Protein backbone atom coordinates (compact mmCIF):
# COMPACT_ATOMS: atom_id res chain seq x y z
CA UNK A 1 -92.57 50.42 301.15
CA UNK A 2 -93.22 50.66 297.48
CA UNK A 3 -94.08 54.10 295.90
CA UNK A 4 -97.17 54.36 293.90
CA UNK A 5 -96.65 55.90 290.50
CA UNK A 6 -99.83 58.08 290.56
CA UNK A 7 -100.78 58.50 294.08
CA UNK A 8 -100.66 62.28 294.25
CA UNK A 9 -99.57 63.29 290.95
CA UNK A 10 -103.12 63.90 289.87
CA UNK A 11 -103.32 66.86 292.29
CA UNK A 12 -100.25 68.67 291.06
CA UNK A 13 -101.82 70.20 287.96
CA UNK A 14 -104.97 71.53 289.93
CA UNK A 15 -102.78 72.74 292.65
CA UNK A 16 -100.71 74.67 290.13
CA UNK A 17 -103.80 76.29 288.62
CA UNK A 18 -104.92 77.41 292.05
CA UNK A 19 -101.61 78.76 292.89
CA UNK A 20 -101.25 80.83 289.77
CA UNK A 21 -104.64 82.21 289.86
CA UNK A 22 -104.22 83.15 293.56
CA UNK A 23 -101.06 85.17 292.59
CA UNK A 24 -103.00 86.77 289.67
CA UNK A 25 -105.89 87.91 291.87
CA UNK A 26 -104.21 88.72 295.10
CA UNK A 27 -101.42 90.81 293.45
CA UNK A 28 -104.20 93.02 291.91
CA UNK A 29 -104.82 94.02 295.44
CA UNK A 30 -101.22 94.36 296.63
CA UNK A 31 -99.56 96.04 293.60
CA UNK A 32 -102.23 97.68 291.52
CA UNK A 33 -103.84 101.24 292.66
CA UNK A 34 -107.44 101.30 294.18
CA UNK A 35 -108.86 102.08 290.74
CA UNK A 36 -108.19 98.32 289.70
CA UNK A 37 -109.98 96.90 292.95
CA UNK A 38 -113.36 96.22 291.34
CA UNK A 39 -114.91 92.95 290.48
CA UNK A 40 -114.79 93.43 286.83
CA UNK A 41 -111.10 93.66 286.62
CA UNK A 42 -110.55 90.62 289.09
CA UNK A 43 -112.82 88.58 286.80
CA UNK A 44 -111.01 89.87 283.63
CA UNK A 45 -107.54 89.00 285.08
CA UNK A 46 -108.60 85.51 286.35
CA UNK A 47 -110.57 84.58 283.21
CA UNK A 48 -108.13 86.11 280.71
CA UNK A 49 -105.29 84.36 282.43
CA UNK A 50 -107.11 80.94 282.12
CA UNK A 51 -108.26 81.28 278.54
CA UNK A 52 -104.82 82.28 277.55
CA UNK A 53 -103.12 79.29 279.35
CA UNK A 54 -105.58 76.91 277.65
CA UNK A 55 -104.87 78.34 274.15
CA UNK A 56 -101.13 78.73 274.58
CA UNK A 57 -100.69 75.41 276.41
CA UNK A 58 -99.08 77.05 279.44
CA UNK A 59 -99.92 74.06 281.62
CA UNK A 60 -99.06 71.42 279.06
CA UNK A 61 -95.88 70.38 280.88
CA UNK A 62 -94.86 66.73 280.94
CA UNK A 63 -92.16 64.65 282.37
CA UNK A 64 -90.38 64.57 278.93
CA UNK A 65 -90.75 68.45 278.48
CA UNK A 66 -87.59 70.38 278.43
CA UNK A 67 -86.80 73.11 280.94
CA UNK A 68 -86.26 75.50 278.06
CA UNK A 69 -89.64 74.90 276.70
CA UNK A 70 -91.17 75.59 280.08
CA UNK A 71 -89.37 78.99 280.19
CA UNK A 72 -90.53 79.80 276.69
CA UNK A 73 -94.23 78.91 277.52
CA UNK A 74 -93.91 81.17 280.77
CA UNK A 75 -92.52 84.23 278.82
CA UNK A 76 -95.14 83.82 276.01
CA UNK A 77 -97.90 83.56 278.58
CA UNK A 78 -96.88 86.81 280.45
CA UNK A 79 -96.32 88.66 277.29
CA UNK A 80 -99.78 88.12 275.94
CA UNK A 81 -101.26 88.53 279.64
CA UNK A 82 -99.43 92.00 279.70
CA UNK A 83 -101.07 93.12 276.50
CA UNK A 84 -104.50 92.03 277.81
CA UNK A 85 -103.97 94.21 280.97
CA UNK A 86 -102.85 97.13 279.00
CA UNK A 87 -105.88 96.87 276.77
CA UNK A 88 -108.16 96.64 279.71
CA UNK A 89 -106.58 99.73 281.24
CA UNK A 90 -106.65 101.56 277.99
CA UNK A 91 -110.48 100.84 277.57
CA UNK A 92 -111.44 101.75 281.09
CA UNK A 93 -109.31 104.55 282.17
CA UNK A 94 -108.13 107.79 280.49
CA UNK A 95 -104.75 107.63 282.39
CA UNK A 96 -103.15 104.31 282.02
CA UNK A 97 -100.74 103.61 284.73
CA UNK A 98 -98.09 101.75 282.47
CA UNK A 99 -95.43 101.56 285.28
CA UNK A 100 -97.91 100.07 287.91
CA UNK A 101 -99.13 97.54 285.35
CA UNK A 102 -95.65 96.61 284.51
CA UNK A 103 -94.81 96.10 288.17
CA UNK A 104 -97.96 93.96 288.53
CA UNK A 105 -96.80 91.68 285.59
CA UNK A 106 -93.38 91.37 287.05
CA UNK A 107 -94.43 90.57 290.50
CA UNK A 108 -96.69 87.92 289.15
CA UNK A 109 -94.11 86.52 286.81
CA UNK A 110 -91.35 85.66 289.31
CA UNK A 111 -93.47 83.59 291.85
CA UNK A 112 -95.34 81.92 289.11
CA UNK A 113 -92.29 81.00 287.01
CA UNK A 114 -90.32 80.09 290.04
CA UNK A 115 -92.94 77.77 291.31
CA UNK A 116 -93.55 76.25 287.92
CA UNK A 117 -89.82 75.43 287.46
CA UNK A 118 -89.58 74.22 291.22
CA UNK A 119 -92.37 71.67 290.70
CA UNK A 120 -90.76 70.42 287.50
CA UNK A 121 -87.23 70.04 288.77
CA UNK A 122 -88.45 68.77 292.30
CA UNK A 123 -90.29 65.88 290.56
CA UNK A 124 -87.20 65.05 288.65
CA UNK A 125 -85.19 64.80 292.01
CA UNK A 126 -87.99 63.02 293.74
CA UNK A 127 -88.09 60.20 290.99
CA UNK A 128 -84.35 59.70 291.34
CA UNK A 129 -84.05 59.71 295.20
CA UNK A 130 -87.43 58.23 296.25
CA UNK A 131 -88.53 56.25 293.20
CA UNK A 132 -92.06 57.79 293.02
CA UNK A 133 -94.04 59.55 290.37
CA UNK A 134 -92.89 57.04 287.77
CA UNK A 135 -94.81 55.26 285.02
CA UNK A 136 -94.25 51.64 284.17
CA UNK A 137 -93.76 50.66 280.64
CA UNK A 138 -93.12 47.67 278.49
CA UNK A 139 -91.33 47.79 275.09
CA UNK A 140 -91.93 45.60 271.96
CA UNK A 141 -89.70 45.38 269.16
CA UNK A 142 -86.24 44.23 267.58
CA UNK A 143 -83.15 45.34 269.63
CA UNK A 144 -81.76 47.82 266.82
CA UNK A 145 -85.11 49.78 267.05
CA UNK A 146 -85.57 49.68 270.84
CA UNK A 147 -82.14 49.74 272.36
CA UNK A 148 -81.83 53.47 272.34
CA UNK A 149 -85.22 53.84 274.11
CA UNK A 150 -84.35 51.13 276.73
CA UNK A 151 -81.08 52.68 277.52
CA UNK A 152 -82.78 56.16 277.80
CA UNK A 153 -85.17 54.70 280.35
CA UNK A 154 -82.33 53.02 282.35
CA UNK A 155 -79.97 56.15 282.23
CA UNK A 156 -82.55 58.91 283.10
CA UNK A 157 -84.49 57.86 286.04
CA UNK A 158 -85.44 61.61 286.48
CA UNK A 159 -87.89 61.30 283.77
CA UNK A 160 -89.77 58.82 285.76
CA UNK A 161 -90.04 55.75 283.44
CA UNK A 162 -89.54 52.34 284.77
CA UNK A 163 -89.06 49.36 282.17
CA UNK A 164 -91.04 46.40 283.37
CA UNK A 165 -90.55 44.12 280.41
CA UNK A 166 -88.78 44.21 276.96
CA UNK A 167 -90.41 41.92 274.40
CA UNK A 168 -87.36 41.29 272.24
CA UNK A 169 -88.48 40.34 268.63
CA UNK A 170 -84.94 39.24 267.81
CA UNK A 171 -85.12 36.33 269.98
CA UNK A 172 -88.85 35.65 269.29
CA UNK A 173 -89.77 36.82 265.83
CA UNK A 174 -93.16 35.10 266.05
CA UNK A 175 -94.08 36.40 269.47
CA UNK A 176 -97.88 36.06 269.71
CA UNK A 177 -99.57 39.26 270.64
CA UNK A 178 -101.78 37.41 273.29
CA UNK A 179 -98.80 36.82 275.36
CA UNK A 180 -98.00 40.57 275.41
CA UNK A 181 -101.66 41.45 276.09
CA UNK A 182 -101.82 38.78 278.92
CA UNK A 183 -98.63 40.04 280.45
CA UNK A 184 -100.06 43.56 280.61
CA UNK A 185 -103.51 42.56 281.98
CA UNK A 186 -102.23 40.30 284.56
CA UNK A 187 -100.17 42.82 286.28
CA UNK A 188 -101.00 43.33 289.98
CA UNK A 189 -102.63 46.47 290.91
CA UNK A 190 -99.49 48.08 292.35
CA UNK A 191 -97.47 47.08 289.19
CA UNK A 192 -99.92 48.00 286.44
CA UNK A 193 -98.43 49.02 283.08
CA UNK A 194 -99.10 52.54 282.30
CA UNK A 195 -97.64 52.93 278.72
CA UNK A 196 -96.73 50.50 275.87
CA UNK A 197 -93.79 51.40 273.36
CA UNK A 198 -93.83 49.50 269.95
CA UNK A 199 -91.28 49.55 267.21
CA UNK A 200 -93.75 50.23 264.36
CA UNK A 201 -91.53 48.99 261.67
CA UNK A 202 -91.58 45.49 263.24
CA UNK A 203 -95.20 45.18 263.23
CA UNK A 204 -97.77 44.36 260.57
CA UNK A 205 -100.67 46.61 259.72
CA UNK A 206 -102.92 44.27 261.52
CA UNK A 207 -100.69 44.01 264.63
CA UNK A 208 -100.62 47.86 264.78
CA UNK A 209 -104.45 47.80 264.77
CA UNK A 210 -104.63 45.10 267.46
CA UNK A 211 -102.40 47.05 269.63
CA UNK A 212 -104.48 50.27 269.13
CA UNK A 213 -107.67 48.30 269.96
CA UNK A 214 -106.01 46.69 273.12
CA UNK A 215 -104.71 50.00 274.32
CA UNK A 216 -108.02 51.77 273.97
CA UNK A 217 -110.01 48.88 275.52
CA UNK A 218 -107.68 48.63 278.51
CA UNK A 219 -107.01 52.16 279.20
CA UNK A 220 -103.31 52.02 278.33
CA UNK A 221 -101.21 54.71 276.71
CA UNK A 222 -99.73 53.48 273.34
CA UNK A 223 -96.62 55.03 271.73
CA UNK A 224 -94.73 53.97 268.53
CA UNK A 225 -91.08 53.99 268.09
CA UNK A 226 -90.35 54.98 264.44
CA UNK A 227 -87.58 53.68 262.14
CA UNK A 228 -85.02 56.57 261.46
CA UNK A 229 -86.10 56.24 257.69
CA UNK A 230 -89.87 56.23 258.24
CA UNK A 231 -91.90 59.39 257.61
CA UNK A 232 -93.27 58.86 261.16
CA UNK A 233 -89.99 60.59 262.54
CA UNK A 234 -91.03 63.94 260.96
CA UNK A 235 -92.60 66.73 262.94
CA UNK A 236 -95.86 66.39 261.05
CA UNK A 237 -98.49 69.08 260.62
CA UNK A 238 -102.15 68.00 260.53
CA UNK A 239 -104.53 70.25 258.56
CA UNK A 240 -108.11 69.61 257.60
CA UNK A 241 -109.54 70.14 253.97
CA UNK A 242 -113.16 70.52 255.01
CA UNK A 243 -113.34 67.18 257.19
CA UNK A 244 -110.46 65.47 255.35
CA UNK A 245 -107.39 64.88 257.65
CA UNK A 246 -104.16 65.85 255.62
CA UNK A 247 -100.64 65.34 256.99
CA UNK A 248 -97.88 67.65 255.75
CA UNK A 249 -94.41 65.90 256.01
CA UNK A 250 -92.72 68.49 258.09
CA UNK A 251 -93.71 71.53 260.08
CA UNK A 252 -91.01 74.23 260.23
CA UNK A 253 -91.61 77.08 262.64
CA UNK A 254 -89.51 79.48 260.69
CA UNK A 255 -92.00 79.24 257.78
CA UNK A 256 -94.21 81.34 260.00
CA UNK A 257 -94.01 85.03 259.08
CA UNK A 258 -94.07 86.18 262.78
CA UNK A 259 -91.43 83.83 263.71
CA UNK A 260 -89.26 84.98 260.81
CA UNK A 261 -89.90 88.62 261.92
CA UNK A 262 -88.73 87.79 265.59
CA UNK A 263 -85.63 85.93 264.38
CA UNK A 264 -84.65 88.56 261.85
CA UNK A 265 -85.10 91.39 264.53
CA UNK A 266 -82.98 89.62 266.99
CA UNK A 267 -80.24 88.76 264.30
CA UNK A 268 -80.21 92.48 263.11
CA UNK A 269 -79.82 93.82 266.49
CA UNK A 270 -77.30 91.34 267.58
CA UNK A 271 -75.24 91.67 264.50
CA UNK A 272 -75.34 95.37 264.72
CA UNK A 273 -73.93 95.31 268.24
CA UNK A 274 -71.13 92.97 267.19
CA UNK A 275 -70.20 95.07 264.16
CA UNK A 276 -70.23 98.39 266.14
CA UNK A 277 -68.66 97.39 269.44
CA UNK A 278 -66.43 94.56 268.44
CA UNK A 279 -65.48 94.39 264.63
CA UNK A 280 -64.90 98.11 264.37
CA UNK A 281 -61.81 97.98 266.45
CA UNK A 282 -61.03 94.26 265.97
CA UNK A 283 -60.65 94.38 262.12
CA UNK A 284 -57.85 96.66 261.92
CA UNK A 285 -56.03 94.85 264.72
CA UNK A 286 -56.60 91.45 263.02
CA UNK A 287 -55.74 92.79 259.51
CA UNK A 288 -52.20 93.88 260.87
CA UNK A 289 -51.67 90.49 262.58
CA UNK A 290 -52.71 88.49 259.56
CA UNK A 291 -50.78 90.40 257.06
CA UNK A 292 -47.56 90.54 259.13
CA UNK A 293 -47.42 86.56 259.07
CA UNK A 294 -48.34 86.02 255.39
CA UNK A 295 -49.17 87.82 252.32
CA UNK A 296 -52.88 87.95 251.03
CA UNK A 297 -56.15 89.62 251.97
CA UNK A 298 -57.41 89.89 255.58
CA UNK A 299 -60.81 88.40 254.72
CA UNK A 300 -61.40 84.93 253.17
CA UNK A 301 -64.34 84.80 250.93
CA UNK A 302 -65.99 81.41 250.00
CA UNK A 303 -68.94 80.35 248.11
CA UNK A 304 -71.49 78.35 250.37
CA UNK A 305 -75.17 77.14 249.99
CA UNK A 306 -77.79 78.87 251.68
CA UNK A 307 -81.49 78.89 251.84
CA UNK A 308 -83.09 76.83 249.09
CA UNK A 309 -79.54 75.76 248.06
CA UNK A 310 -78.73 79.19 246.67
CA UNK A 311 -75.15 80.19 246.71
CA UNK A 312 -73.73 83.08 248.69
CA UNK A 313 -70.34 84.51 249.77
CA UNK A 314 -69.42 83.51 253.42
CA UNK A 315 -66.91 85.75 255.05
CA UNK A 316 -64.14 84.78 257.50
CA UNK A 317 -60.78 86.16 258.77
CA UNK A 318 -58.21 84.52 256.63
CA UNK A 319 -56.43 81.62 258.75
CA UNK A 320 -54.47 79.88 255.88
CA UNK A 321 -51.86 80.71 253.45
CA UNK A 322 -52.97 81.40 249.93
CA UNK A 323 -53.44 77.87 248.41
CA UNK A 324 -55.19 76.43 245.44
CA UNK A 325 -57.13 73.79 247.48
CA UNK A 326 -58.91 76.24 249.97
CA UNK A 327 -62.34 75.67 248.31
CA UNK A 328 -61.79 71.92 247.64
CA UNK A 329 -60.35 70.56 250.81
CA UNK A 330 -61.58 70.79 254.27
CA UNK A 331 -59.15 71.83 257.07
CA UNK A 332 -57.62 68.87 259.02
CA UNK A 333 -55.85 68.56 262.33
CA UNK A 334 -52.18 69.87 261.97
CA UNK A 335 -53.04 71.19 258.40
CA UNK A 336 -49.87 72.88 257.08
CA UNK A 337 -51.91 75.55 255.36
CA UNK A 338 -53.01 77.11 258.53
CA UNK A 339 -50.72 80.00 259.83
CA UNK A 340 -49.77 80.30 263.57
CA UNK A 341 -52.30 83.34 263.80
CA UNK A 342 -54.76 81.11 261.92
CA UNK A 343 -54.31 78.40 264.52
CA UNK A 344 -55.29 80.99 267.40
CA UNK A 345 -58.24 82.51 265.72
CA UNK A 346 -59.62 79.10 264.69
CA UNK A 347 -59.18 77.74 268.14
CA UNK A 348 -61.15 80.59 269.52
CA UNK A 349 -63.64 80.71 266.61
CA UNK A 350 -62.65 84.31 266.10
CA UNK A 351 -62.17 83.48 262.22
CA UNK A 352 -66.10 83.34 262.03
CA UNK A 353 -66.78 86.92 263.48
CA UNK A 354 -66.85 88.60 259.83
CA UNK A 355 -69.96 86.48 259.20
CA UNK A 356 -71.89 88.88 261.28
CA UNK A 357 -71.70 90.97 258.07
CA UNK A 358 -73.51 88.12 256.37
CA UNK A 359 -76.02 88.23 259.31
CA UNK A 360 -76.39 91.96 258.95
CA UNK A 361 -77.04 91.70 255.07
CA UNK A 362 -79.79 89.05 255.75
CA UNK A 363 -77.72 86.14 254.08
CA UNK A 364 -77.30 84.25 257.39
CA UNK A 365 -78.78 84.32 260.85
CA UNK A 366 -76.69 84.05 263.92
CA UNK A 367 -77.94 80.44 264.62
CA UNK A 368 -78.80 77.84 262.04
CA UNK A 369 -77.31 74.72 260.43
CA UNK A 370 -73.57 75.40 259.46
CA UNK A 371 -72.91 75.85 255.70
CA UNK A 372 -70.40 73.53 254.04
CA UNK A 373 -68.15 74.13 251.04
CA UNK A 374 -69.92 73.56 247.83
CA UNK A 375 -67.77 70.57 247.08
CA UNK A 376 -68.64 68.99 250.30
CA UNK A 377 -72.20 69.73 250.10
CA UNK A 378 -72.48 67.95 246.78
CA UNK A 379 -70.69 64.91 248.31
CA UNK A 380 -72.64 64.77 251.53
CA UNK A 381 -76.01 65.25 249.50
CA UNK A 382 -75.22 61.97 247.73
CA UNK A 383 -74.03 60.07 250.64
CA UNK A 384 -76.19 61.28 253.63
CA UNK A 385 -79.83 60.69 253.91
CA UNK A 386 -81.81 63.91 254.57
CA UNK A 387 -78.81 66.08 253.98
CA UNK A 388 -80.61 68.53 251.75
CA UNK A 389 -83.38 69.15 254.44
CA UNK A 390 -80.95 71.59 256.16
CA UNK A 391 -81.37 74.06 253.27
CA UNK A 392 -85.11 74.71 254.08
CA UNK A 393 -83.74 77.30 256.42
CA UNK A 394 -80.80 79.72 256.25
CA UNK A 395 -77.40 78.57 257.42
CA UNK A 396 -75.96 80.19 260.69
CA UNK A 397 -72.67 81.08 262.28
CA UNK A 398 -73.34 78.61 264.92
CA UNK A 399 -75.71 75.75 265.37
CA UNK A 400 -77.02 73.01 267.60
CA UNK A 401 -74.85 70.48 266.20
CA UNK A 402 -71.70 72.48 266.80
CA UNK A 403 -72.62 73.08 270.56
CA UNK A 404 -72.90 69.17 270.78
CA UNK A 405 -69.50 68.42 269.52
CA UNK A 406 -70.10 68.06 265.91
CA UNK A 407 -68.11 70.89 264.37
CA UNK A 408 -65.17 71.20 262.07
CA UNK A 409 -63.54 68.36 260.21
CA UNK A 410 -66.03 65.39 259.24
CA UNK A 411 -63.76 62.51 260.20
CA UNK A 412 -66.42 59.74 259.92
CA UNK A 413 -69.92 59.14 258.89
CA UNK A 414 -71.12 59.55 262.36
CA UNK A 415 -70.06 63.16 262.38
CA UNK A 416 -71.98 64.12 259.44
CA UNK A 417 -75.21 61.96 260.33
CA UNK A 418 -75.46 63.39 263.81
CA UNK A 419 -74.83 66.84 262.46
CA UNK A 420 -77.81 66.38 260.10
CA UNK A 421 -79.86 65.03 262.91
CA UNK A 422 -79.28 67.97 265.20
CA UNK A 423 -79.89 70.48 262.43
CA UNK A 424 -83.24 68.85 261.56
CA UNK A 425 -84.31 68.87 265.14
CA UNK A 426 -83.27 72.56 265.36
CA UNK A 427 -85.37 73.45 262.38
CA UNK A 428 -88.51 71.56 263.51
CA UNK A 429 -88.27 72.94 267.18
CA UNK A 430 -86.98 76.43 266.80
CA UNK A 431 -87.64 79.22 269.30
CA UNK A 432 -85.87 82.41 270.11
CA UNK A 433 -84.99 80.99 273.45
CA UNK A 434 -83.38 77.95 271.87
CA UNK A 435 -81.23 80.33 269.72
CA UNK A 436 -80.09 82.34 273.00
CA UNK A 437 -79.20 78.97 274.51
CA UNK A 438 -77.05 77.92 271.57
CA UNK A 439 -75.34 81.33 271.45
CA UNK A 440 -74.58 80.85 275.21
CA UNK A 441 -73.28 77.48 274.75
CA UNK A 442 -71.06 78.54 271.71
CA UNK A 443 -69.49 81.29 273.79
CA UNK A 444 -68.72 78.96 276.70
CA UNK A 445 -67.23 76.31 274.34
CA UNK A 446 -65.12 78.95 272.61
CA UNK A 447 -63.82 80.07 276.23
CA UNK A 448 -63.17 76.44 277.25
CA UNK A 449 -61.68 75.47 273.88
CA UNK A 450 -62.93 72.72 271.55
CA UNK A 451 -60.75 69.84 270.66
CA UNK A 452 -62.21 69.86 267.08
CA UNK A 453 -61.54 73.64 266.70
CA UNK A 454 -58.47 73.53 264.41
């Protein structure tokens, strides 16, 4: 029996609304004291939760949403909901029972967040094992622009996309649009196409307009695949000057003052803890071990490019013998300049720990694009497209690229190209939870050992 792509999926979100509101209202009776058991607070809690959810996008979860994003939405929703509950208590009662309200928020948080994540991951497994809750798609474009998306559909059945037809423009460069439109319209009821994906660089302006008209008139979802070099790949921001729509090339969350404050507070607390509880006793030990093997300073100081390309001094434990090429030549595998102690501390990433002083001073965050030597920065800026975009934010001790295997020596063009791609993705999708995830992955990789850590 063939599964239907949308047979019950339309009921999932309303059921989630009902479940969450039931928890919010019922737990008022179960957790909060009798003073709160009156109609105004029940209405306030239910209405407040709903308005917050609509404004914060709490229920905007799709099959392509990341699990980390769901956690972030949940934490944000409950933080603001807690503020609302405390505000109501302060307005209505002389004696605010802070502990009881905190209990109420926590008791609501766990079942709602568990249910939300359970539904999300259950649907992923359901799509894999039973083939249900999927969306049927067609792809139009040249192979070079569509092959990654096609491979994604084939390799990730848990996302619930089923490729029905690939209209390859490499084999038929003059493919008439009517052939595509007729194929989509002639599908049987059980095999109706849900979404159309077009490589925008392979279409003329008129063809794009025709696809938009067709999708609108036939109730199909239309999505475009950008070329890597198109401005469409950017995380654009739409503003209105009166009624005139204006697109900003790139929206960077860390341009927001509140996000800057959150990140800086986290970095200050984290770096202080590392300096007080780790570096306070580690520096003397490392100093003795480094100096016993080779003459020279304990710390290695090197100029790097930071925010807006400004230079700053980046600190490390010295891992090499004193040499004239330290600022010019990147470390390579089996580099004769590295000491035996240096091999160990580089393998475990301990050489990076003094950079927590840079973090404390505000020159670096814990997480961000890794800074390169100035000589390398100048070389990559001329060679790699969008390399300089990384300097819109401060460089970090660790970053998303490093947790995905792109750290250390740049052995080929792929290494630096993907490093830049991950760095730009991080910049455009920053959240404090993403920072925490990257830190955890960095620690895990350091314990496991990284083949590129040398």
